[in-house]
PDB file of N, CA and C in Angstrom:
ATOM      1  N   MET A   1     -12.532  20.640 -21.946  1.00  0.00           N
ATOM      2  CA  MET A   1     -11.368  21.497 -21.981  1.00  0.00           C
ATOM      3  C   MET A   1     -10.386  21.043 -23.062  1.00  0.00           C
ATOM      4  N   ARG A   2     -10.298  19.745 -23.275  1.00  0.00           N
ATOM      5  CA  ARG A   2      -9.348  19.275 -24.289  1.00  0.00           C
ATOM      6  C   ARG A   2      -9.674  19.851 -25.659  1.00  0.00           C
ATOM      7  N   VAL A   3     -10.972  19.974 -25.946  1.00  0.00           N
ATOM      8  CA  VAL A   3     -11.364  20.535 -27.240  1.00  0.00           C
ATOM      9  C   VAL A   3     -11.027  22.022 -27.274  1.00  0.00           C
ATOM     10  N   ALA A   4     -11.366  22.736 -26.203  1.00  0.00           N
ATOM     11  CA  ALA A   4     -11.125  24.180 -26.149  1.00  0.00           C
ATOM     12  C   ALA A   4      -9.636  24.511 -26.196  1.00  0.00           C
ATOM     13  N   LEU A   5      -8.817  23.652 -25.621  1.00  0.00           N
ATOM     14  CA  LEU A   5      -7.376  23.910 -25.553  1.00  0.00           C
ATOM     15  C   LEU A   5      -6.568  23.020 -26.495  1.00  0.00           C
ATOM     16  N   ALA A   6      -7.223  22.482 -27.507  1.00  0.00           N
ATOM     17  CA  ALA A   6      -6.567  21.535 -28.412  1.00  0.00           C
ATOM     18  C   ALA A   6      -5.316  22.114 -29.070  1.00  0.00           C
ATOM     19  N   ASP A   7      -5.315  23.412 -29.354  1.00  0.00           N
ATOM     20  CA  ASP A   7      -4.165  24.030 -30.022  1.00  0.00           C
ATOM     21  C   ASP A   7      -3.112  24.553 -29.052  1.00  0.00           C
ATOM     22  N   GLU A   8      -3.345  24.414 -27.766  1.00  0.00           N
ATOM     23  CA  GLU A   8      -2.407  24.902 -26.752  1.00  0.00           C
ATOM     24  C   GLU A   8      -1.474  23.774 -26.315  1.00  0.00           C
ATOM     25  N   PRO A   9      -0.188  24.058 -26.125  1.00  0.00           N
ATOM     26  CA  PRO A   9       0.740  23.011 -25.663  1.00  0.00           C
ATOM     27  C   PRO A   9       0.462  22.645 -24.199  1.00  0.00           C
ATOM     28  N   VAL A  10       0.730  21.399 -23.860  1.00  0.00           N
ATOM     29  CA  VAL A  10       0.588  20.940 -22.480  1.00  0.00           C
ATOM     30  C   VAL A  10       1.672  21.606 -21.649  1.00  0.00           C
ATOM     31  N   GLN A  11       1.286  22.137 -20.505  1.00  0.00           N
ATOM     32  CA  GLN A  11       2.253  22.771 -19.611  1.00  0.00           C
ATOM     33  C   GLN A  11       2.566  21.823 -18.466  1.00  0.00           C
ATOM     34  N   ARG A  12       3.826  21.544 -18.259  1.00  0.00           N
ATOM     35  CA  ARG A  12       4.244  20.692 -17.150  1.00  0.00           C
ATOM     36  C   ARG A  12       4.809  21.571 -16.049  1.00  0.00           C
ATOM     37  N   LYS A  13       4.384  21.287 -14.833  1.00  0.00           N
ATOM     38  CA  LYS A  13       4.880  22.048 -13.689  1.00  0.00           C
ATOM     39  C   LYS A  13       5.424  21.078 -12.661  1.00  0.00           C
ATOM     40  N   LYS A  14       6.469  21.480 -11.990  1.00  0.00           N
ATOM     41  CA  LYS A  14       7.082  20.650 -10.952  1.00  0.00           C
ATOM     42  C   LYS A  14       6.396  20.904  -9.620  1.00  0.00           C
ATOM     43  N   VAL A  15       6.161  19.818  -8.876  1.00  0.00           N
ATOM     44  CA  VAL A  15       5.688  19.944  -7.503  1.00  0.00           C
ATOM     45  C   VAL A  15       6.907  20.304  -6.667  1.00  0.00           C
ATOM     46  N   PRO A  16       6.824  21.340  -5.845  1.00  0.00           N
ATOM     47  CA  PRO A  16       7.977  21.691  -5.009  1.00  0.00           C
ATOM     48  C   PRO A  16       8.415  20.506  -4.149  1.00  0.00           C
ATOM     49  N   SER A  17       9.706  20.390  -3.899  1.00  0.00           N
ATOM     50  CA  SER A  17      10.239  19.243  -3.162  1.00  0.00           C
ATOM     51  C   SER A  17       9.719  19.174  -1.731  1.00  0.00           C
ATOM     52  N   GLN A  18       9.226  20.278  -1.176  1.00  0.00           N
ATOM     53  CA  GLN A  18       8.706  20.243   0.192  1.00  0.00           C
ATOM     54  C   GLN A  18       7.237  19.807   0.247  1.00  0.00           C
ATOM     55  N   ILE A  19       6.646  19.494  -0.904  1.00  0.00           N
ATOM     56  CA  ILE A  19       5.261  19.022  -0.959  1.00  0.00           C
ATOM     57  C   ILE A  19       5.266  17.522  -1.235  1.00  0.00           C
ATOM     58  N   VAL A  20       4.470  16.766  -0.462  1.00  0.00           N
ATOM     59  CA  VAL A  20       4.323  15.326  -0.675  1.00  0.00           C
ATOM     60  C   VAL A  20       2.852  15.008  -0.887  1.00  0.00           C
ATOM     61  N   GLN A  21       2.597  13.907  -1.552  1.00  0.00           N
ATOM     62  CA  GLN A  21       1.245  13.447  -1.823  1.00  0.00           C
ATOM     63  C   GLN A  21       1.030  12.144  -1.080  1.00  0.00           C
ATOM     64  N   ALA A  22      -0.126  11.988  -0.439  1.00  0.00           N
ATOM     65  CA  ALA A  22      -0.421  10.766   0.301  1.00  0.00           C
ATOM     66  C   ALA A  22      -1.856  10.342   0.025  1.00  0.00           C
ATOM     67  N   ARG A  23      -2.081   9.028  -0.034  1.00  0.00           N
ATOM     68  CA  ARG A  23      -3.440   8.508  -0.193  1.00  0.00           C
ATOM     69  C   ARG A  23      -4.079   8.473   1.188  1.00  0.00           C
ATOM     70  N   ILE A  24      -5.212   9.153   1.313  1.00  0.00           N
ATOM     71  CA  ILE A  24      -5.892   9.354   2.588  1.00  0.00           C
ATOM     72  C   ILE A  24      -7.281   8.735   2.551  1.00  0.00           C
ATOM     73  N   ASP A  25      -7.688   8.130   3.666  1.00  0.00           N
ATOM     74  CA  ASP A  25      -9.055   7.636   3.822  1.00  0.00           C
ATOM     75  C   ASP A  25      -9.982   8.843   3.946  1.00  0.00           C
ATOM     76  N   ARG A  26     -11.030   8.893   3.138  1.00  0.00           N
ATOM     77  CA  ARG A  26     -11.931  10.049   3.128  1.00  0.00           C
ATOM     78  C   ARG A  26     -12.652  10.247   4.455  1.00  0.00           C
ATOM     79  N   SER A  27     -12.935   9.180   5.181  1.00  0.00           N
ATOM     80  CA  SER A  27     -13.680   9.298   6.439  1.00  0.00           C
ATOM     81  C   SER A  27     -12.801   9.682   7.613  1.00  0.00           C
ATOM     82  N   SER A  28     -11.662   9.017   7.757  1.00  0.00           N
ATOM     83  CA  SER A  28     -10.835   9.203   8.954  1.00  0.00           C
ATOM     84  C   SER A  28      -9.729  10.242   8.785  1.00  0.00           C
ATOM     85  N   GLY A  29      -9.301  10.490   7.551  1.00  0.00           N
ATOM     86  CA  GLY A  29      -8.175  11.389   7.326  1.00  0.00           C
ATOM     87  C   GLY A  29      -6.830  10.730   7.559  1.00  0.00           C
ATOM     88  N   LEU A  30      -6.835   9.419   7.818  1.00  0.00           N
ATOM     89  CA  LEU A  30      -5.589   8.685   8.038  1.00  0.00           C
ATOM     90  C   LEU A  30      -5.079   8.110   6.720  1.00  0.00           C
ATOM     91  N   LEU A  31      -3.819   7.702   6.699  1.00  0.00           N
ATOM     92  CA  LEU A  31      -3.254   7.028   5.534  1.00  0.00           C
ATOM     93  C   LEU A  31      -4.026   5.746   5.270  1.00  0.00           C
ATOM     94  N   THR A  32      -4.090   5.333   4.015  1.00  0.00           N
ATOM     95  CA  THR A  32      -4.768   4.093   3.662  1.00  0.00           C
ATOM     96  C   THR A  32      -4.061   3.422   2.495  1.00  0.00           C
ATOM     97  N   TYR A  33      -4.232   2.104   2.415  1.00  0.00           N
ATOM     98  CA  TYR A  33      -3.743   1.342   1.269  1.00  0.00           C
ATOM     99  C   TYR A  33      -4.844   1.169   0.234  1.00  0.00           C
ATOM    100  N   LYS A  34      -6.077   1.497   0.590  1.00  0.00           N
ATOM    101  CA  LYS A  34      -7.202   1.283  -0.316  1.00  0.00           C
ATOM    102  C   LYS A  34      -7.085   2.183  -1.536  1.00  0.00           C
ATOM    103  N   ALA A  35      -7.373   1.595  -2.684  1.00  0.00           N
ATOM    104  CA  ALA A  35      -7.328   2.338  -3.944  1.00  0.00           C
ATOM    105  C   ALA A  35      -8.720   2.334  -4.569  1.00  0.00           C
ATOM    106  N   ASP A  36      -9.708   2.731  -3.784  1.00  0.00           N
ATOM    107  CA  ASP A  36     -11.079   2.757  -4.276  1.00  0.00           C
ATOM    108  C   ASP A  36     -11.705   4.105  -3.943  1.00  0.00           C
ATOM    109  N   GLU A  37     -13.038   4.187  -4.050  1.00  0.00           N
ATOM    110  CA  GLU A  37     -13.727   5.463  -3.843  1.00  0.00           C
ATOM    111  C   GLU A  37     -13.698   5.956  -2.395  1.00  0.00           C
ATOM    112  N   THR A  38     -13.210   5.132  -1.464  1.00  0.00           N
ATOM    113  CA  THR A  38     -13.131   5.563  -0.062  1.00  0.00           C
ATOM    114  C   THR A  38     -11.841   6.326   0.233  1.00  0.00           C
ATOM    115  N   SER A  39     -10.989   6.474  -0.778  1.00  0.00           N
ATOM    116  CA  SER A  39      -9.718   7.167  -0.562  1.00  0.00           C
ATOM    117  C   SER A  39      -9.517   8.251  -1.610  1.00  0.00           C
ATOM    118  N   ARG A  40      -8.584   9.146  -1.321  1.00  0.00           N
ATOM    119  CA  ARG A  40      -8.213  10.182  -2.271  1.00  0.00           C
ATOM    120  C   ARG A  40      -6.799  10.653  -1.966  1.00  0.00           C
ATOM    121  N   PHE A  41      -6.155  11.256  -2.945  1.00  0.00           N
ATOM    122  CA  PHE A  41      -4.826  11.814  -2.729  1.00  0.00           C
ATOM    123  C   PHE A  41      -4.961  13.229  -2.188  1.00  0.00           C
ATOM    124  N   GLU A  42      -4.127  13.545  -1.223  1.00  0.00           N
ATOM    125  CA  GLU A  42      -4.047  14.885  -0.642  1.00  0.00           C
ATOM    126  C   GLU A  42      -2.586  15.321  -0.674  1.00  0.00           C
ATOM    127  N   TYR A  43      -2.358  16.605  -0.671  1.00  0.00           N
ATOM    128  CA  TYR A  43      -1.012  17.171  -0.651  1.00  0.00           C
ATOM    129  C   TYR A  43      -0.723  17.758   0.723  1.00  0.00           C
ATOM    130  N   PHE A  44       0.511  17.571   1.182  1.00  0.00           N
ATOM    131  CA  PHE A  44       0.935  18.045   2.495  1.00  0.00           C
ATOM    132  C   PHE A  44       2.324  18.652   2.387  1.00  0.00           C
ATOM    133  N   LEU A  45       2.612  19.588   3.281  1.00  0.00           N
ATOM    134  CA  LEU A  45       3.995  20.011   3.444  1.00  0.00           C
ATOM    135  C   LEU A  45       4.758  18.836   4.023  1.00  0.00           C
ATOM    136  N   ARG A  46       5.969  18.620   3.558  1.00  0.00           N
ATOM    137  CA  ARG A  46       6.779  17.505   4.059  1.00  0.00           C
ATOM    138  C   ARG A  46       6.830  17.569   5.587  1.00  0.00           C
ATOM    139  N   GLY A  47       6.553  16.439   6.232  1.00  0.00           N
ATOM    140  CA  GLY A  47       6.573  16.355   7.688  1.00  0.00           C
ATOM    141  C   GLY A  47       5.223  16.590   8.342  1.00  0.00           C
ATOM    142  N   THR A  48       4.203  16.980   7.562  1.00  0.00           N
ATOM    143  CA  THR A  48       2.887  17.229   8.158  1.00  0.00           C
ATOM    144  C   THR A  48       1.840  16.200   7.752  1.00  0.00           C
ATOM    145  N   ALA A  49       2.188  15.265   6.878  1.00  0.00           N
ATOM    146  CA  ALA A  49       1.237  14.229   6.458  1.00  0.00           C
ATOM    147  C   ALA A  49       0.949  13.298   7.627  1.00  0.00           C
ATOM    148  N   PRO A  50      -0.249  12.704   7.658  1.00  0.00           N
ATOM    149  CA  PRO A  50      -0.541  11.732   8.715  1.00  0.00           C
ATOM    150  C   PRO A  50       0.496  10.614   8.713  1.00  0.00           C
ATOM    151  N   THR A  51       0.721  10.022   9.866  1.00  0.00           N
ATOM    152  CA  THR A  51       1.685   8.924   9.980  1.00  0.00           C
ATOM    153  C   THR A  51       1.005   7.618  10.354  1.00  0.00           C
ATOM    154  N   GLU A  52      -0.262   7.677  10.739  1.00  0.00           N
ATOM    155  CA  GLU A  52      -1.005   6.474  11.113  1.00  0.00           C
ATOM    156  C   GLU A  52      -1.850   6.003   9.940  1.00  0.00           C
ATOM    157  N   TYR A  53      -2.020   4.673   9.869  1.00  0.00           N
ATOM    158  CA  TYR A  53      -2.842   4.083   8.828  1.00  0.00           C
ATOM    159  C   TYR A  53      -4.232   3.771   9.352  1.00  0.00           C
ATOM    160  N   GLU A  54      -5.203   3.879   8.472  1.00  0.00           N
ATOM    161  CA  GLU A  54      -6.579   3.503   8.763  1.00  0.00           C
ATOM    162  C   GLU A  54      -6.590   2.025   9.140  1.00  0.00           C
ATOM    163  N   PRO A  55      -7.164   1.660  10.310  1.00  0.00           N
ATOM    164  CA  PRO A  55      -7.165   0.256  10.744  1.00  0.00           C
ATOM    165  C   PRO A  55      -7.875  -0.676   9.765  1.00  0.00           C
ATOM    166  N   ASP A  56      -8.883  -0.175   9.049  1.00  0.00           N
ATOM    167  CA  ASP A  56      -9.637  -1.015   8.118  1.00  0.00           C
ATOM    168  C   ASP A  56      -9.019  -1.036   6.728  1.00  0.00           C
ATOM    169  N   SER A  57      -7.801  -0.570   6.612  1.00  0.00           N
ATOM    170  CA  SER A  57      -7.112  -0.519   5.332  1.00  0.00           C
ATOM    171  C   SER A  57      -6.726  -1.943   4.943  1.00  0.00           C
ATOM    172  N   SER A  58      -7.583  -2.588   4.158  1.00  0.00           N
ATOM    173  CA  SER A  58      -7.378  -4.005   3.852  1.00  0.00           C
ATOM    174  C   SER A  58      -6.314  -4.217   2.795  1.00  0.00           C
ATOM    175  N   SER A  59      -5.726  -5.382   2.812  1.00  0.00           N
ATOM    176  CA  SER A  59      -4.720  -5.735   1.816  1.00  0.00           C
ATOM    177  C   SER A  59      -5.366  -6.122   0.492  1.00  0.00           C
ATOM    178  N   ASP A  60      -6.722  -6.167   0.429  1.00  0.00           N
ATOM    179  CA  ASP A  60      -7.407  -6.496  -0.814  1.00  0.00           C
ATOM    180  C   ASP A  60      -7.195  -5.419  -1.876  1.00  0.00           C
ATOM    181  N   ASN A  61      -6.989  -4.189  -1.438  1.00  0.00           N
ATOM    182  CA  ASN A  61      -6.877  -3.066  -2.363  1.00  0.00           C
ATOM    183  C   ASN A  61      -5.506  -2.416  -2.313  1.00  0.00           C
ATOM    184  N   LEU A  62      -4.466  -3.192  -2.080  1.00  0.00           N
ATOM    185  CA  LEU A  62      -3.130  -2.616  -1.958  1.00  0.00           C
ATOM    186  C   LEU A  62      -2.702  -1.918  -3.234  1.00  0.00           C
ATOM    187  N   LEU A  63      -2.039  -0.807  -3.069  1.00  0.00           N
ATOM    188  CA  LEU A  63      -1.496  -0.063  -4.199  1.00  0.00           C
ATOM    189  C   LEU A  63      -0.211  -0.712  -4.659  1.00  0.00           C
ATOM    190  N   GLY A  64       0.098  -0.535  -5.920  1.00  0.00           N
ATOM    191  CA  GLY A  64       1.333  -1.086  -6.437  1.00  0.00           C
ATOM    192  C   GLY A  64       2.461  -0.081  -6.449  1.00  0.00           C
ATOM    193  N   GLY A  65       2.262   1.058  -5.833  1.00  0.00           N
ATOM    194  CA  GLY A  65       3.277   2.094  -5.913  1.00  0.00           C
ATOM    195  C   GLY A  65       3.596   2.713  -4.579  1.00  0.00           C
ATOM    196  N   ASP A  66       4.255   3.826  -4.666  1.00  0.00           N
ATOM    197  CA  ASP A  66       4.689   4.579  -3.496  1.00  0.00           C
ATOM    198  C   ASP A  66       3.527   5.410  -2.979  1.00  0.00           C
ATOM    199  N   LEU A  67       3.153   5.213  -1.735  1.00  0.00           N
ATOM    200  CA  LEU A  67       2.006   5.875  -1.147  1.00  0.00           C
ATOM    201  C   LEU A  67       2.149   7.387  -1.145  1.00  0.00           C
ATOM    202  N   PHE A  68       3.361   7.899  -1.014  1.00  0.00           N
ATOM    203  CA  PHE A  68       3.548   9.334  -0.895  1.00  0.00           C
ATOM    204  C   PHE A  68       3.769  10.047  -2.215  1.00  0.00           C
ATOM    205  N   SER A  69       3.901   9.353  -3.305  1.00  0.00           N
ATOM    206  CA  SER A  69       4.125  10.062  -4.561  1.00  0.00           C
ATOM    207  C   SER A  69       3.013   9.840  -5.564  1.00  0.00           C
ATOM    208  N   GLY A  70       2.198   8.807  -5.358  1.00  0.00           N
ATOM    209  CA  GLY A  70       1.189   8.493  -6.343  1.00  0.00           C
ATOM    210  C   GLY A  70       1.782   7.853  -7.582  1.00  0.00           C
ATOM    211  N   GLN A  71       3.054   7.552  -7.547  1.00  0.00           N
ATOM    212  CA  GLN A  71       3.757   6.944  -8.665  1.00  0.00           C
ATOM    213  C   GLN A  71       4.176   5.535  -8.276  1.00  0.00           C
ATOM    214  N   GLU A  72       4.368   4.697  -9.285  1.00  0.00           N
ATOM    215  CA  GLU A  72       4.897   3.376  -8.982  1.00  0.00           C
ATOM    216  C   GLU A  72       6.304   3.511  -8.452  1.00  0.00           C
ATOM    217  N   SER A  73       6.656   2.633  -7.535  1.00  0.00           N
ATOM    218  CA  SER A  73       7.979   2.704  -6.911  1.00  0.00           C
ATOM    219  C   SER A  73       9.073   2.544  -7.946  1.00  0.00           C
ATOM    220  N   SER A  74      10.101   3.358  -7.795  1.00  0.00           N
ATOM    221  CA  SER A  74      11.245   3.239  -8.690  1.00  0.00           C
ATOM    222  C   SER A  74      12.525   3.068  -7.899  1.00  0.00           C
ATOM    223  N   GLY A  75      12.378   2.727  -6.626  1.00  0.00           N
ATOM    224  CA  GLY A  75      13.562   2.498  -5.815  1.00  0.00           C
ATOM    225  C   GLY A  75      13.769   3.578  -4.791  1.00  0.00           C
ATOM    226  N   ASP A  76      14.379   4.688  -5.166  1.00  0.00           N
ATOM    227  CA  ASP A  76      14.722   5.761  -4.242  1.00  0.00           C
ATOM    228  C   ASP A  76      13.490   6.578  -3.880  1.00  0.00           C
ATOM    229  N   LYS A  77      13.059   6.493  -2.615  1.00  0.00           N
ATOM    230  CA  LYS A  77      11.855   7.171  -2.182  1.00  0.00           C
ATOM    231  C   LYS A  77      12.101   8.618  -1.796  1.00  0.00           C
ATOM    232  N   ASP A  78      13.323   9.020  -1.566  1.00  0.00           N
ATOM    233  CA  ASP A  78      13.606  10.383  -1.152  1.00  0.00           C
ATOM    234  C   ASP A  78      14.593  11.016  -2.114  1.00  0.00           C
ATOM    235  N   SER A  79      14.121  11.236  -3.330  1.00  0.00           N
ATOM    236  CA  SER A  79      15.012  11.777  -4.347  1.00  0.00           C
ATOM    237  C   SER A  79      15.203  13.277  -4.198  1.00  0.00           C
ATOM    238  N   GLY A  80      14.333  13.912  -3.373  1.00  0.00           N
ATOM    239  CA  GLY A  80      14.463  15.337  -3.149  1.00  0.00           C
ATOM    240  C   GLY A  80      13.781  16.185  -4.204  1.00  0.00           C
ATOM    241  N   GLY A  81      13.443  15.609  -5.348  1.00  0.00           N
ATOM    242  CA  GLY A  81      12.786  16.376  -6.395  1.00  0.00           C
ATOM    243  C   GLY A  81      11.292  16.158  -6.369  1.00  0.00           C
ATOM    244  N   GLY A  82      10.565  17.014  -7.053  1.00  0.00           N
ATOM    245  CA  GLY A  82       9.121  16.882  -7.114  1.00  0.00           C
ATOM    246  C   GLY A  82       8.704  16.057  -8.309  1.00  0.00           C
ATOM    247  N   ASP A  83       7.430  15.704  -8.340  1.00  0.00           N
ATOM    248  CA  ASP A  83       6.863  14.973  -9.461  1.00  0.00           C
ATOM    249  C   ASP A  83       6.274  15.972 -10.443  1.00  0.00           C
ATOM    250  N   ASP A  84       6.196  15.600 -11.718  1.00  0.00           N
ATOM    251  CA  ASP A  84       5.567  16.463 -12.705  1.00  0.00           C
ATOM    252  C   ASP A  84       4.063  16.425 -12.533  1.00  0.00           C
ATOM    253  N   LEU A  85       3.433  17.573 -12.684  1.00  0.00           N
ATOM    254  CA  LEU A  85       1.983  17.668 -12.731  1.00  0.00           C
ATOM    255  C   LEU A  85       1.609  18.274 -14.070  1.00  0.00           C
ATOM    256  N   LEU A  86       0.506  17.829 -14.646  1.00  0.00           N
ATOM    257  CA  LEU A  86       0.018  18.393 -15.894  1.00  0.00           C
ATOM    258  C   LEU A  86      -1.058  19.410 -15.582  1.00  0.00           C
ATOM    259  N   PHE A  87      -0.974  20.573 -16.200  1.00  0.00           N
ATOM    260  CA  PHE A  87      -1.995  21.615 -16.044  1.00  0.00           C
ATOM    261  C   PHE A  87      -2.492  22.043 -17.394  1.00  0.00           C
TER     262      PHE A  87
END
């Protein structure tokens, strides 16, 4: 796609503030700290994301950022704004 769209400008879109992103265990659907192939990011309406963590979520694969934004922590976790997505 990069070749096909090489002459097109990158479009940035805002994630609505009521949408949050969380790293989820692929098997259980629970939150996880693992940052490997057993996890993936999912999007949820604010207040509907899982609140429990996968029991096998080891500290060996801890993320260095904010679990709900997919971004490294910058202090304020509830800024009310969305994150930029590239399309």
